[in-house]
Amino acid sequence: MASRRTLLKVIILGDSGVGKTSLMAQYVNNKFSKQYKATIGADFMTKEIVIDDTVVTLQIWDTAGQERFQSLGVSFYRGADCVMCVYDVNSAKSFESLENWRNEFLVQASPSDPEKFPVVVVGNKIDVEDGKDSKRVISEKKAKSWCTSKGGLMHFECSAKEDINVDAAFEAVARFAVQNEDAEEDVYLPDTVSIDTRGAAPSSGCC
């Protein structure tokens, strides 16, 4: 039986069309739509899972991949506990964009320890068969090599359409974030609390 609860904010980043919305919909609702609809700004869904002795409520934010919406996405980065960077294994451009997405997030979100911040890389659309219009261009070996060069980022290959590895990727993100949270709690230093005895209304201390 779970002994504690926590809320984790998960941000999904990546170029337009890589399948960020489809991954979220498959994970939360077990649904896949063939119709493509671009995300405007950001949207989110929640899902509750149990990791070890913790009930984890994942608040999953799907952000817009088009350049004209990227400035809107920045405001959603604040308070994130983990990030899923998504590319399409059939698109070299989407893979090359990972560096920018990750760097921009770390600059804008300003986590306390960028090197250890939970980032998981996902190669989507492994179900797409070789054909006239689509052919796999990013091998798993190449992607893993890039992840290793960035300090050993976790990597998953997925298919939102066929529901391959989707649960595994999100649960890895959540577990990584829970472990990171526990590590931060171990070195947590409380803020100094000043007590006003003159009858002023107590402040909530919430920011």
Protein backbone atom coordinates (compact mmCIF):
# COMPACT_ATOMS: atom_id res chain seq x y z
CA MET A 1 0.00 0.00 0.00
CA ALA A 2 1.33 3.41 -1.02
CA SER A 3 2.41 5.54 1.92
CA ARG A 4 2.74 8.95 0.26
CA ARG A 5 1.56 11.02 -2.67
CA THR A 6 3.30 13.40 -5.02
CA LEU A 7 2.45 15.52 -8.06
CA LEU A 8 4.91 15.60 -10.95
CA LYS A 9 4.83 18.05 -13.84
CA VAL A 10 6.04 16.37 -17.04
CA ILE A 11 6.83 18.50 -20.12
CA ILE A 12 6.85 16.92 -23.60
CA LEU A 13 9.09 18.78 -26.06
CA GLY A 14 9.91 18.29 -29.72
CA ASP A 15 9.29 19.50 -33.25
CA SER A 16 5.80 19.78 -34.68
CA GLY A 17 4.50 16.45 -36.00
CA VAL A 18 6.76 14.07 -34.03
CA GLY A 19 3.76 12.65 -32.15
CA LYS A 20 3.85 14.39 -28.75
CA THR A 21 0.04 14.63 -28.52
CA SER A 22 -0.36 11.03 -29.72
CA LEU A 23 2.06 9.71 -27.09
CA MET A 24 0.19 11.54 -24.33
CA ALA A 25 -3.24 10.41 -25.58
CA GLN A 26 -2.08 6.79 -25.91
CA TYR A 27 -0.59 6.78 -22.42
CA VAL A 28 -3.48 8.51 -20.63
CA ASN A 29 -6.51 7.32 -22.64
CA ASN A 30 -5.21 4.33 -24.63
CA LYS A 31 -6.35 6.08 -27.80
CA PHE A 32 -4.68 6.91 -31.10
CA SER A 33 -6.06 9.26 -33.74
CA LYS A 34 -4.81 9.27 -37.34
CA GLN A 35 -5.94 12.88 -37.72
CA TYR A 36 -3.15 15.36 -37.10
CA LYS A 37 -4.07 18.48 -35.20
CA ALA A 38 -1.33 20.89 -34.17
CA THR A 39 -1.21 21.84 -30.50
CA ILE A 40 -1.67 25.57 -29.94
CA GLY A 41 0.28 26.82 -26.94
CA ALA A 42 0.04 23.88 -24.55
CA ASP A 43 -2.43 21.31 -23.30
CA PHE A 44 -2.22 18.86 -20.41
CA MET A 45 -3.69 15.59 -19.12
CA THR A 46 -3.27 13.82 -15.79
CA LYS A 47 -2.72 10.19 -14.90
CA GLU A 48 -2.22 8.54 -11.52
CA ILE A 49 0.25 5.69 -11.13
CA VAL A 50 2.06 3.98 -8.25
CA ILE A 51 5.86 3.89 -8.10
CA ASP A 52 7.21 1.79 -5.24
CA ASP A 53 5.44 3.26 -2.17
CA THR A 54 4.39 6.52 -3.81
CA VAL A 55 1.12 7.45 -5.52
CA VAL A 56 2.26 9.70 -8.36
CA THR A 57 -0.10 12.07 -10.16
CA LEU A 58 1.49 12.91 -13.48
CA GLN A 59 0.48 16.27 -14.93
CA ILE A 60 1.64 15.82 -18.53
CA TRP A 61 2.05 18.99 -20.59
CA ASP A 62 2.01 18.70 -24.37
CA THR A 63 3.66 21.81 -25.83
CA ALA A 64 3.43 23.28 -29.34
CA GLY A 65 6.29 22.35 -31.67
CA GLN A 66 5.88 25.19 -34.17
CA GLU A 67 8.38 28.04 -33.86
CA ARG A 68 5.68 30.69 -33.62
CA PHE A 69 4.36 29.09 -30.43
CA GLN A 70 7.69 28.35 -28.74
CA SER A 71 7.68 31.61 -26.78
CA LEU A 72 4.30 30.63 -25.33
CA GLY A 73 5.67 27.30 -24.20
CA VAL A 74 8.37 28.88 -22.09
CA SER A 75 5.89 29.93 -19.39
CA PHE A 76 4.84 26.28 -19.02
CA TYR A 77 8.41 25.10 -18.34
CA ARG A 78 8.51 26.63 -14.85
CA GLY A 79 8.01 24.10 -12.08
CA ALA A 80 8.63 21.10 -14.33
CA ASP A 81 9.90 17.96 -12.58
CA CYS A 82 10.98 16.10 -15.70
CA VAL A 83 11.11 16.39 -19.48
CA MET A 84 10.43 14.02 -22.36
CA CYS A 85 12.22 15.10 -25.56
CA VAL A 86 10.58 13.50 -28.60
CA TYR A 87 11.82 13.04 -32.17
CA ASP A 88 10.53 11.10 -35.18
CA VAL A 89 12.89 8.26 -36.18
CA ASN A 90 11.97 9.04 -39.82
CA SER A 91 12.97 12.71 -39.58
CA ALA A 92 16.61 13.80 -39.30
CA LYS A 93 15.53 17.41 -38.66
CA SER A 94 13.45 16.46 -35.61
CA PHE A 95 16.42 14.55 -34.17
CA GLU A 96 18.81 17.43 -34.79
CA SER A 97 16.37 19.76 -33.00
CA LEU A 98 16.65 17.82 -29.72
CA GLU A 99 19.73 19.77 -28.70
CA ASN A 100 17.91 23.10 -29.03
CA TRP A 101 14.78 21.89 -27.24
CA ARG A 102 16.78 20.52 -24.31
CA ASN A 103 19.04 23.58 -24.06
CA GLU A 104 16.18 26.05 -24.29
CA PHE A 105 14.28 24.20 -21.59
CA LEU A 106 17.25 24.17 -19.20
CA VAL A 107 17.83 27.91 -19.75
CA GLN A 108 14.19 28.92 -19.34
CA ALA A 109 13.23 26.54 -16.51
CA SER A 110 16.48 27.17 -14.60
CA PRO A 111 16.54 23.89 -12.61
CA SER A 112 18.87 23.92 -9.58
CA ASP A 113 21.08 21.19 -11.09
CA PRO A 114 20.76 21.13 -14.91
CA GLU A 115 23.22 18.23 -15.28
CA LYS A 116 21.07 15.93 -13.13
CA PHE A 117 17.64 17.18 -14.22
CA PRO A 118 15.46 14.22 -15.37
CA VAL A 119 15.42 14.18 -19.19
CA VAL A 120 14.26 11.17 -21.21
CA VAL A 121 14.65 10.98 -25.01
CA VAL A 122 11.95 9.22 -27.06
CA GLY A 123 12.19 8.17 -30.72
CA ASN A 124 8.59 7.86 -31.93
CA LYS A 125 6.96 6.33 -35.05
CA ILE A 126 9.00 3.11 -35.19
CA ASP A 127 5.83 1.52 -36.67
CA VAL A 128 6.13 3.52 -39.93
CA GLU A 129 7.14 1.09 -42.66
CA ASP A 130 9.75 1.92 -45.26
CA GLY A 131 8.07 3.38 -48.28
CA LYS A 132 8.12 6.12 -50.88
CA ASP A 133 7.32 8.88 -48.39
CA SER A 134 8.88 7.59 -45.21
CA LYS A 135 12.05 5.73 -44.41
CA ARG A 136 13.77 5.43 -41.09
CA VAL A 137 16.80 7.72 -40.95
CA ILE A 138 17.78 7.74 -37.25
CA SER A 139 19.07 4.41 -35.97
CA GLU A 140 18.75 3.43 -32.33
CA LYS A 141 22.55 3.26 -32.16
CA LYS A 142 22.90 6.88 -33.34
CA ALA A 143 20.28 8.11 -30.88
CA LYS A 144 21.84 6.25 -27.96
CA SER A 145 25.25 7.61 -28.88
CA TRP A 146 23.86 11.16 -28.73
CA CYS A 147 22.21 10.44 -25.36
CA THR A 148 25.51 9.11 -24.01
CA SER A 149 27.32 12.27 -25.17
CA LYS A 150 24.82 14.34 -23.15
CA GLY A 151 25.68 12.64 -19.88
CA GLY A 152 23.86 9.35 -20.31
CA LEU A 153 20.25 10.40 -21.00
CA MET A 154 17.68 7.59 -20.95
CA HIS A 155 16.40 6.62 -24.40
CA PHE A 156 13.30 4.77 -25.60
CA GLU A 157 12.00 3.90 -29.06
CA CYS A 158 8.20 4.03 -29.20
CA SER A 159 5.14 3.85 -31.36
CA ALA A 160 2.16 5.85 -30.17
CA LYS A 161 0.08 4.20 -32.90
CA GLU A 162 0.91 0.60 -31.98
CA ASP A 163 1.34 1.36 -28.24
CA ILE A 164 4.93 0.10 -28.21
CA ASN A 165 7.04 1.17 -25.19
CA VAL A 166 4.75 4.13 -24.41
CA ASP A 167 3.99 3.07 -20.82
CA ALA A 168 7.64 2.16 -20.25
CA ALA A 169 8.85 5.60 -21.38
CA PHE A 170 6.42 7.57 -19.21
CA GLU A 171 7.00 5.36 -16.18
CA ALA A 172 10.76 5.79 -16.58
CA VAL A 173 10.25 9.57 -16.65
CA ALA A 174 8.13 9.39 -13.50
CA ARG A 175 10.53 7.08 -11.64
CA PHE A 176 13.49 9.28 -12.58
CA ALA A 177 11.65 12.37 -11.26
CA VAL A 178 10.60 10.66 -8.01
CA GLN A 179 14.20 9.57 -7.37
CA ASN A 180 15.41 13.09 -8.16
CA GLU A 181 12.83 14.53 -5.75
CA ASP A 182 13.96 12.14 -3.01
CA ALA A 183 17.59 13.17 -3.56
CA GLU A 184 16.66 16.84 -3.25
CA GLU A 185 14.73 16.16 -0.05
CA ASP A 186 17.83 14.60 1.46
CA VAL A 187 19.75 17.87 1.15
CA TYR A 188 16.81 20.18 1.78
CA LEU A 189 17.50 23.19 3.98
CA PRO A 190 14.37 24.94 5.28
CA ASP A 191 13.94 28.66 4.82
CA THR A 192 14.24 30.85 7.89
CA VAL A 193 10.80 31.46 9.36
CA SER A 194 10.15 34.74 11.10
CA ILE A 195 7.26 34.77 13.57
CA ASP A 196 5.34 38.00 13.98
CA THR A 197 3.77 38.14 17.43
CA ARG A 198 1.91 41.38 16.85
CA GLY A 199 -1.25 39.70 15.67
CA ALA A 200 -0.68 40.06 11.94
CA ALA A 201 -2.45 37.56 9.74
CA PRO A 202 -0.16 34.58 9.04
CA SER A 203 1.15 34.31 5.53
CA SER A 204 0.79 31.02 3.66
CA GLY A 205 4.40 31.07 2.50
CA CYS A 206 3.27 29.94 -0.94
CA CYS A 207 4.90 31.42 -4.00
